[in-house]
Amino acid sequence: MVTDGWQQARDKAVRLWRQFRPESAVAVAAELDSARVAVVAARASGTPIDEEALRVEWGRRIGELLASHRDAEPALRAVLADWEATSGAQTVHGNLHLEAHATDSSRVYQAGRDQHITER
């Protein structure tokens, strides 16, 4: 939910709902946005959030969509394949120069791509 491909994945998920459950599409979009805001805020503040519970919940909701609309399976598979292709293909292009100076007991964290730091 916090990757660069989030907006594309979100839009594709909302399109699925719009196609197979149009009455729920606006609510699904809002709920996805709220979940993302919660995850981003929690990560930024270091507040624990159960991201696995979010994955389970959305997996359940997708499962319900498929159970009630078996014809949604090819569309869902296409969305997942596209999402996996784009999320796995993220690369840094061009030159990257990182420089940091730490003094005393300070810490420096640098990354050319994704970085996840958990300190307590």
C-alpha atoms as a PDB file:
ATOM      1  CA  MET A   1       0.000   0.000   0.000  1.00  0.00           C
ATOM      2  CA  VAL A   2       2.937   2.313   0.216  1.00  0.00           C
ATOM      3  CA  THR A   3       4.706   1.561  -3.057  1.00  0.00           C
ATOM      4  CA  ASP A   4       4.847   3.694  -6.185  1.00  0.00           C
ATOM      5  CA  GLY A   5       2.497   1.286  -7.932  1.00  0.00           C
ATOM      6  CA  TRP A   6      -0.206   1.763  -5.294  1.00  0.00           C
ATOM      7  CA  GLN A   7      -2.351   4.177  -7.304  1.00  0.00           C
ATOM      8  CA  GLN A   8      -2.384   1.879 -10.330  1.00  0.00           C
ATOM      9  CA  ALA A   9      -3.232  -1.173  -8.220  1.00  0.00           C
ATOM     10  CA  ARG A  10      -5.956   0.766  -6.403  1.00  0.00           C
ATOM     11  CA  ASP A  11      -7.488   2.041  -9.641  1.00  0.00           C
ATOM     12  CA  LYS A  12      -7.525  -1.458 -11.129  1.00  0.00           C
ATOM     13  CA  ALA A  13      -9.161  -2.912  -8.018  1.00  0.00           C
ATOM     14  CA  VAL A  14     -11.820  -0.192  -8.087  1.00  0.00           C
ATOM     15  CA  ARG A  15     -12.419  -0.928 -11.777  1.00  0.00           C
ATOM     16  CA  LEU A  16     -13.082  -4.570 -10.893  1.00  0.00           C
ATOM     17  CA  TRP A  17     -15.661  -3.506  -8.332  1.00  0.00           C
ATOM     18  CA  ARG A  18     -17.152  -1.000 -10.754  1.00  0.00           C
ATOM     19  CA  GLN A  19     -17.512  -3.788 -13.318  1.00  0.00           C
ATOM     20  CA  PHE A  20     -18.900  -6.528 -11.060  1.00  0.00           C
ATOM     21  CA  ARG A  21     -20.356  -4.659  -8.050  1.00  0.00           C
ATOM     22  CA  PRO A  22     -20.907  -1.081  -9.199  1.00  0.00           C
ATOM     23  CA  GLU A  23     -22.983  -0.211  -6.130  1.00  0.00           C
ATOM     24  CA  SER A  24     -19.904  -0.801  -3.931  1.00  0.00           C
ATOM     25  CA  ALA A  25     -17.179   0.789  -6.073  1.00  0.00           C
ATOM     26  CA  VAL A  26     -17.188   4.220  -4.411  1.00  0.00           C
ATOM     27  CA  ALA A  27     -17.095   2.680  -0.933  1.00  0.00           C
ATOM     28  CA  VAL A  28     -14.265   0.305  -1.916  1.00  0.00           C
ATOM     29  CA  ALA A  29     -12.231   3.219  -3.289  1.00  0.00           C
ATOM     30  CA  ALA A  30     -12.709   5.166  -0.053  1.00  0.00           C
ATOM     31  CA  GLU A  31     -11.848   2.148   2.106  1.00  0.00           C
ATOM     32  CA  LEU A  32      -8.687   1.423   0.121  1.00  0.00           C
ATOM     33  CA  ASP A  33      -7.641   5.065   0.456  1.00  0.00           C
ATOM     34  CA  SER A  34      -8.329   5.035   4.211  1.00  0.00           C
ATOM     35  CA  ALA A  35      -6.330   1.836   4.665  1.00  0.00           C
ATOM     36  CA  ARG A  36      -3.401   3.321   2.780  1.00  0.00           C
ATOM     37  CA  VAL A  37      -3.470   6.518   4.840  1.00  0.00           C
ATOM     38  CA  ALA A  38      -3.474   4.444   8.035  1.00  0.00           C
ATOM     39  CA  VAL A  39      -0.517   2.315   6.904  1.00  0.00           C
ATOM     40  CA  VAL A  40       1.538   5.305   5.728  1.00  0.00           C
ATOM     41  CA  ALA A  41       0.843   7.230   8.946  1.00  0.00           C
ATOM     42  CA  ALA A  42       1.661   4.223  11.124  1.00  0.00           C
ATOM     43  CA  ARG A  43       4.926   3.586   9.336  1.00  0.00           C
ATOM     44  CA  ALA A  44       5.911   7.248   9.500  1.00  0.00           C
ATOM     45  CA  SER A  45       5.205   7.499  13.228  1.00  0.00           C
ATOM     46  CA  GLY A  46       6.483   4.053  14.155  1.00  0.00           C
ATOM     47  CA  THR A  47       3.062   3.104  15.468  1.00  0.00           C
ATOM     48  CA  PRO A  48       2.303  -0.599  15.089  1.00  0.00           C
ATOM     49  CA  ILE A  49      -0.445  -1.489  12.637  1.00  0.00           C
ATOM     50  CA  ASP A  50      -1.538  -4.969  11.680  1.00  0.00           C
ATOM     51  CA  GLU A  51      -0.811  -4.908   7.948  1.00  0.00           C
ATOM     52  CA  GLU A  52      -1.343  -8.656   7.725  1.00  0.00           C
ATOM     53  CA  ALA A  53      -4.919  -8.154   8.958  1.00  0.00           C
ATOM     54  CA  LEU A  54      -5.458  -5.658   6.140  1.00  0.00           C
ATOM     55  CA  ARG A  55      -4.135  -8.159   3.591  1.00  0.00           C
ATOM     56  CA  VAL A  56      -6.391 -10.869   5.003  1.00  0.00           C
ATOM     57  CA  GLU A  57      -9.416  -8.557   4.952  1.00  0.00           C
ATOM     58  CA  TRP A  58      -8.888  -7.522   1.333  1.00  0.00           C
ATOM     59  CA  GLY A  59      -8.198 -11.122   0.360  1.00  0.00           C
ATOM     60  CA  ARG A  60     -11.524 -12.066   1.928  1.00  0.00           C
ATOM     61  CA  ARG A  61     -13.314  -9.289   0.068  1.00  0.00           C
ATOM     62  CA  ILE A  62     -11.774 -10.328  -3.246  1.00  0.00           C
ATOM     63  CA  GLY A  63     -12.751 -13.921  -2.469  1.00  0.00           C
ATOM     64  CA  GLU A  64     -16.348 -12.822  -1.901  1.00  0.00           C
ATOM     65  CA  LEU A  65     -16.310 -10.950  -5.202  1.00  0.00           C
ATOM     66  CA  LEU A  66     -15.083 -14.075  -6.983  1.00  0.00           C
ATOM     67  CA  ALA A  67     -17.573 -16.324  -5.202  1.00  0.00           C
ATOM     68  CA  SER A  68     -20.490 -14.195  -6.352  1.00  0.00           C
ATOM     69  CA  HIS A  69     -19.074 -13.411  -9.821  1.00  0.00           C
ATOM     70  CA  ARG A  70     -17.117 -16.353 -11.208  1.00  0.00           C
ATOM     71  CA  ASP A  71     -16.733 -14.434 -14.457  1.00  0.00           C
ATOM     72  CA  ALA A  72     -14.537 -11.922 -12.574  1.00  0.00           C
ATOM     73  CA  GLU A  73     -11.670 -14.414 -12.324  1.00  0.00           C
ATOM     74  CA  PRO A  74     -10.003 -13.634 -15.687  1.00  0.00           C
ATOM     75  CA  ALA A  75     -10.182  -9.896 -15.003  1.00  0.00           C
ATOM     76  CA  LEU A  76      -8.733 -10.365 -11.514  1.00  0.00           C
ATOM     77  CA  ARG A  77      -5.934 -12.589 -12.830  1.00  0.00           C
ATOM     78  CA  ALA A  78      -5.066  -9.934 -15.419  1.00  0.00           C
ATOM     79  CA  VAL A  79      -4.952  -7.222 -12.738  1.00  0.00           C
ATOM     80  CA  LEU A  80      -2.756  -9.361 -10.470  1.00  0.00           C
ATOM     81  CA  ALA A  81      -0.394 -10.296 -13.301  1.00  0.00           C
ATOM     82  CA  ASP A  82      -0.068  -6.666 -14.347  1.00  0.00           C
ATOM     83  CA  TRP A  83       0.488  -5.556 -10.760  1.00  0.00           C
ATOM     84  CA  GLU A  84       3.142  -8.218 -10.146  1.00  0.00           C
ATOM     85  CA  ALA A  85       4.916  -7.297 -13.368  1.00  0.00           C
ATOM     86  CA  THR A  86       5.042  -3.600 -12.528  1.00  0.00           C
ATOM     87  CA  SER A  87       5.801  -3.951  -8.815  1.00  0.00           C
ATOM     88  CA  GLY A  88       8.637  -6.400  -9.410  1.00  0.00           C
ATOM     89  CA  ALA A  89      10.128  -4.339 -12.191  1.00  0.00           C
ATOM     90  CA  GLN A  90      10.790  -1.167 -10.210  1.00  0.00           C
ATOM     91  CA  THR A  91      14.345  -0.081 -10.779  1.00  0.00           C
ATOM     92  CA  VAL A  92      16.426   3.017 -10.268  1.00  0.00           C
ATOM     93  CA  HIS A  93      17.583   4.615 -13.508  1.00  0.00           C
ATOM     94  CA  GLY A  94      20.375   7.109 -13.872  1.00  0.00           C
ATOM     95  CA  ASN A  95      23.068   8.077 -11.427  1.00  0.00           C
ATOM     96  CA  LEU A  96      22.628   7.905  -7.708  1.00  0.00           C
ATOM     97  CA  HIS A  97      24.872   9.733  -5.295  1.00  0.00           C
ATOM     98  CA  LEU A  98      24.315   9.447  -1.572  1.00  0.00           C
ATOM     99  CA  GLU A  99      26.324  11.340   0.984  1.00  0.00           C
ATOM    100  CA  ALA A 100      25.795  11.600   4.708  1.00  0.00           C
ATOM    101  CA  HIS A 101      27.655  12.903   7.694  1.00  0.00           C
ATOM    102  CA  ALA A 102      26.893  11.649  11.193  1.00  0.00           C
ATOM    103  CA  THR A 103      28.238  13.033  14.423  1.00  0.00           C
ATOM    104  CA  ASP A 104      28.173  11.842  18.004  1.00  0.00           C
ATOM    105  CA  SER A 105      25.519   9.128  18.412  1.00  0.00           C
ATOM    106  CA  SER A 106      23.408  10.056  15.400  1.00  0.00           C
ATOM    107  CA  ARG A 107      22.417   7.507  12.780  1.00  0.00           C
ATOM    108  CA  VAL A 108      22.230   7.721   9.020  1.00  0.00           C
ATOM    109  CA  TYR A 109      20.039   5.519   6.868  1.00  0.00           C
ATOM    110  CA  GLN A 110      20.390   5.685   3.110  1.00  0.00           C
ATOM    111  CA  ALA A 111      18.925   3.611   0.342  1.00  0.00           C
ATOM    112  CA  GLY A 112      18.766   3.681  -3.406  1.00  0.00           C
ATOM    113  CA  ARG A 113      15.411   1.965  -3.300  1.00  0.00           C
ATOM    114  CA  ASP A 114      13.038   0.530  -0.694  1.00  0.00           C
ATOM    115  CA  GLN A 115      14.160   0.773   2.887  1.00  0.00           C
ATOM    116  CA  HIS A 116      12.356  -0.535   5.934  1.00  0.00           C
ATOM    117  CA  ILE A 117      13.674   0.309   9.374  1.00  0.00           C
ATOM    118  CA  THR A 118      12.143  -0.969  12.560  1.00  0.00           C
ATOM    119  CA  GLU A 119      13.614   0.426  15.734  1.00  0.00           C
ATOM    120  CA  ARG A 120      12.143   0.364  19.178  1.00  0.00           C
END
